[in-house]
């Protein structure tokens, strides 16, 4: 994403026509009725805001670019705009900062009806040309929803803990279903449409009739950072408990671990501590921080255990699973770590598939990769014939 190129587009942009006048209220009102926002014209995306302000800034999370860029006001009007060049198939989340009397307020773009939710609220979304929201994230009326139950059990490691369980519509105790354990699973359900995605892909026979455990942690940054207790809790307590209660297929190729960001370290660490127990790993935008020289890292002390773990693994890589699916956004600060780590994983002989997307560090990026990841790791009958 960058300012307009020197060569410029083939034809004038819509905002250029507005600047050329007339700048009457009627002309401006007509402009706003005529367009949807942001205005996408080929590789050019124009963010527009209308109102009285001292300044307006675009706030975004595209790594490598200034996180704040100023909108320009169309002279003698209350219209502000910023034209950016966004590669095809991109998806960018942003907010606007409106400054009045020296005070800035961050808001969603009031002209843009597309937004994405996360645990901190919601962001507006700009879609570059060619990007389409996947159809399989929306409820298919022909699919039968699975059931989600909440279960409490007593752990020797952590005491009494709860977790969610998604049972597919065709679940039968007499069948040996595979198991997928999703770190931050309830957030995946809320912000990445995981329940609907599972319903649709299982109904279409693209993904196996998988039982899904939704985990969370009251000490996420501690337990997920290569904590031996977390690996023991998963491998010696939670997974055996679920496999016993639901009579699952207790084989490595039928066990998968999944997570995103710090939660992507959480699957890899237990797999490394119990190599061969988990046959499938899905790692999204993993916080695989490492150092080439010394033991200090720029991400702060919370990452020290992660750095130590990744450094050890990079120095002596070994196969810990059969299949590993890794995805990351090209607009993330973590892209370097993931690009560097994938060859290390592949060097062990594990079957590794890596996917990049023109997106950032967010739940909808992770959502958009679920079909490719899950259908490859745990294919249903429809896809098995192609393997």
Foldseek 3Di string as FASTA:
>chain_A
DAAADPVGDPDDDLVVVCLVDDVDPVVVVVSLVVDAPQHADAQKTKHKDFDDAPWKWKAWQQPPDPRIDTWDDRPPGRMTMGMGGHDAQAKTWIWMWGHHPRDTDTHERPRAPAWFAAPVGITGMDHHHPHDQDPQLDADVVFDFWDKDKDWDQDPLPGIDIKIKTFAPPQDLVDAAFEEEEEQQVRCVVGLSVRSNCRRCVVVQLFPRYMYIYDYDPPLLVLLLLDPSLLCCVQVPDVVVVCVVSVHDQAQLRYEYEYEESSLSNRVNSLVVQARRHAEYEYELYPQDEDPDDQDDPPDDSCSSSHVVSHVCLVPPAHSHAEYEYEYEPSEPSPVVVVVCQVSNVVRVHHYHYYYGNYYRDSNVVSVCVSVRRSVSGTGPVCVVVD
